[in-house]
Protein backbone atom coordinates (compact mmCIF):
# COMPACT_ATOMS: atom_id res chain seq x y z
CA LYS A 1 58.74 63.08 72.57
CA SER A 2 55.22 62.25 71.62
CA GLU A 3 53.80 58.78 71.21
CA GLU A 4 53.11 59.54 67.55
CA GLU A 5 56.77 60.52 66.94
CA ASP A 6 57.88 57.23 68.51
CA LYS A 7 55.52 55.24 66.27
CA VAL A 8 56.59 57.14 63.15
CA ARG A 9 60.29 56.58 63.94
CA GLY A 10 59.59 52.89 64.54
CA PHE A 11 57.74 52.39 61.26
CA GLU A 12 60.36 54.38 59.35
CA SER A 13 63.05 52.08 60.74
CA GLY A 14 61.20 49.00 59.45
CA VAL A 15 59.08 47.63 62.29
CA ASP A 16 56.01 45.59 61.32
CA ASP A 17 53.87 46.65 64.25
CA TYR A 18 53.95 48.89 67.31
CA VAL A 19 52.28 48.33 70.66
CA THR A 20 52.00 50.95 73.38
CA LYS A 21 51.79 50.42 77.12
CA PRO A 22 49.59 49.38 78.74
CA PHE A 23 48.80 46.49 76.42
CA SER A 24 46.65 43.42 76.58
CA TYR A 25 48.24 39.98 76.26
CA LYS A 26 45.23 38.91 74.20
CA GLU A 27 45.90 41.78 71.78
CA ILE A 28 49.58 40.79 71.49
CA LEU A 29 48.62 37.17 70.82
CA LEU A 30 46.14 38.19 68.11
CA ARG A 31 48.71 40.52 66.49
CA VAL A 32 51.30 37.72 66.40
CA LYS A 33 48.78 35.24 64.95
CA SER A 34 47.83 37.77 62.28
CA LEU A 35 51.50 38.34 61.39
CA LEU A 36 52.17 34.60 61.17
CA LYS A 37 49.29 34.16 58.70
CA ARG A 38 50.94 36.65 56.34
CA THR A 39 54.37 34.97 56.35
CA LYS A 40 55.35 32.24 53.90
CA PRO A 41 55.28 28.75 55.38
CA SER A 42 58.73 27.91 54.00
CA LEU A 43 61.67 29.98 52.91
CA ILE A 44 63.43 26.95 51.39
CA GLU A 45 62.72 26.18 47.77
CA ASP A 46 61.33 22.78 46.83
CA VAL A 47 64.07 22.17 44.24
CA SER A 48 67.75 23.14 44.27
CA THR A 49 70.10 22.85 41.32
CA PHE A 50 73.85 23.00 40.88
CA HIS A 51 75.08 22.63 37.30
CA ASP A 52 73.37 19.44 36.04
CA LEU A 53 72.52 18.20 39.55
CA LYS A 54 68.99 18.65 40.92
CA VAL A 55 67.63 17.88 44.40
CA ASP A 56 63.84 17.70 44.68
CA ARG A 57 62.78 17.96 48.32
CA ILE A 58 59.11 17.18 47.66
CA THR A 59 59.67 13.87 45.88
CA ARG A 60 62.99 13.25 47.73
CA ARG A 61 64.68 12.48 44.42
CA ILE A 62 68.04 13.43 42.96
CA TYR A 63 68.78 13.89 39.25
CA ARG A 64 72.09 14.22 37.43
CA ALA A 65 72.00 15.12 33.73
CA ASP A 66 68.23 14.43 33.83
CA LYS A 67 68.84 10.87 35.07
CA GLU A 68 67.36 9.85 38.43
CA ILE A 69 69.98 8.84 40.98
CA LYS A 70 69.09 6.46 43.80
CA VAL A 71 70.62 7.28 47.19
CA GLY A 72 69.91 6.40 50.78
CA PRO A 73 68.26 8.81 53.21
CA THR A 74 71.55 9.91 54.79
CA GLU A 75 73.16 10.60 51.41
CA PHE A 76 70.05 12.56 50.41
CA ARG A 77 70.29 14.74 53.54
CA LEU A 78 74.01 15.21 52.97
CA LEU A 79 73.59 16.33 49.35
CA ASP A 80 70.58 18.47 50.26
CA PHE A 81 72.73 20.23 52.84
CA LEU A 82 75.69 20.74 50.50
CA ILE A 83 73.59 22.03 47.59
CA LYS A 84 72.17 24.86 49.70
CA SER A 85 75.63 26.51 49.77
CA PRO A 86 77.64 25.31 46.78
CA GLN A 87 81.39 25.93 46.91
CA ARG A 88 81.32 26.43 50.66
CA VAL A 89 83.69 24.06 52.46
CA TYR A 90 82.23 22.17 55.43
CA SER A 91 84.36 20.35 57.98
CA ARG A 92 83.51 16.81 59.06
CA GLU A 93 82.31 18.23 62.38
CA GLN A 94 79.97 20.72 60.68
CA LEU A 95 78.54 17.95 58.51
CA LEU A 96 78.14 15.65 61.52
CA ASN A 97 76.28 18.35 63.45
CA ASN A 98 73.99 19.27 60.55
CA ILE A 99 73.26 15.79 59.17
CA TRP A 100 73.40 13.52 62.20
CA GLY A 101 72.59 16.08 64.87
CA ASN A 102 72.74 14.72 68.39
CA GLU A 103 72.97 11.05 67.46
CA ILE A 104 75.45 9.43 69.78
CA ASN A 105 78.29 7.15 68.74
CA VAL A 106 78.78 8.69 65.30
CA GLU A 107 82.45 9.02 64.41
CA ALA A 108 83.91 11.73 62.23
CA ARG A 109 84.97 9.17 59.61
CA THR A 110 81.29 8.31 59.13
CA VAL A 111 81.13 11.45 56.99
CA ASP A 112 83.84 10.02 54.71
CA VAL A 113 81.85 6.82 54.19
CA HIS A 114 78.69 8.68 53.20
CA ILE A 115 80.61 11.12 50.98
CA ARG A 116 82.13 8.11 49.18
CA ARG A 117 78.67 6.57 48.68
CA LEU A 118 77.29 9.89 47.45
CA ARG A 119 80.18 10.35 45.02
CA LYS A 120 79.70 6.84 43.68
CA ALA A 121 76.01 7.56 43.11
CA ILE A 122 76.25 11.00 41.47
CA ASN A 123 79.46 10.65 39.46
CA ILE A 124 78.74 9.86 35.83
CA GLU A 125 81.52 9.04 33.40
CA GLY A 126 82.33 11.99 31.18
CA LEU A 127 80.85 14.53 33.61
CA PRO A 128 82.85 16.53 36.17
CA GLU A 129 83.00 15.28 39.73
CA LEU A 130 80.92 17.56 41.92
CA ILE A 131 82.10 16.78 45.45
CA ARG A 132 85.50 18.23 46.21
CA THR A 133 87.73 17.21 49.10
CA VAL A 134 89.60 20.14 50.60
CA ARG A 135 92.63 18.72 52.37
CA SER A 136 92.59 19.28 56.14
CA SER A 137 89.34 21.26 55.83
CA GLY A 138 86.43 19.14 54.62
CA TYR A 139 84.13 18.85 51.63
CA SER A 140 82.27 21.09 49.24
CA LEU A 141 79.93 20.84 46.29
CA ASP A 142 82.07 22.25 43.51
CA THR A 143 83.45 21.59 40.04
């Protein structure tokens, strides 16, 4: 096989770049820096919506039916996490790991307390409840 055939096969299979041996570490570093300049800084959108619920990550505000809803920082993180995958059911453990991370002394029932606070904040009379409890499984953002 020739070096050119290897490069062609690599590019045809979707590689962004190809480096042959011997190579210089300085060249690799410059290639990586160049590639990083071309990538988007964030793949997450600034605003997520689900039905009439909107989470704005830039202003850290939540809106329901165009009305601003005041929540604490933990409830904001919780809703921000749930709205990224509506209708997906998350267990208490998954929510604990993703919202509280490695904080020690956080009990599983802590999730229930914050879900209750979040429900109280976002539920508006006459509108469907958006946080669903799935018995023995967890919670989801759903209608």
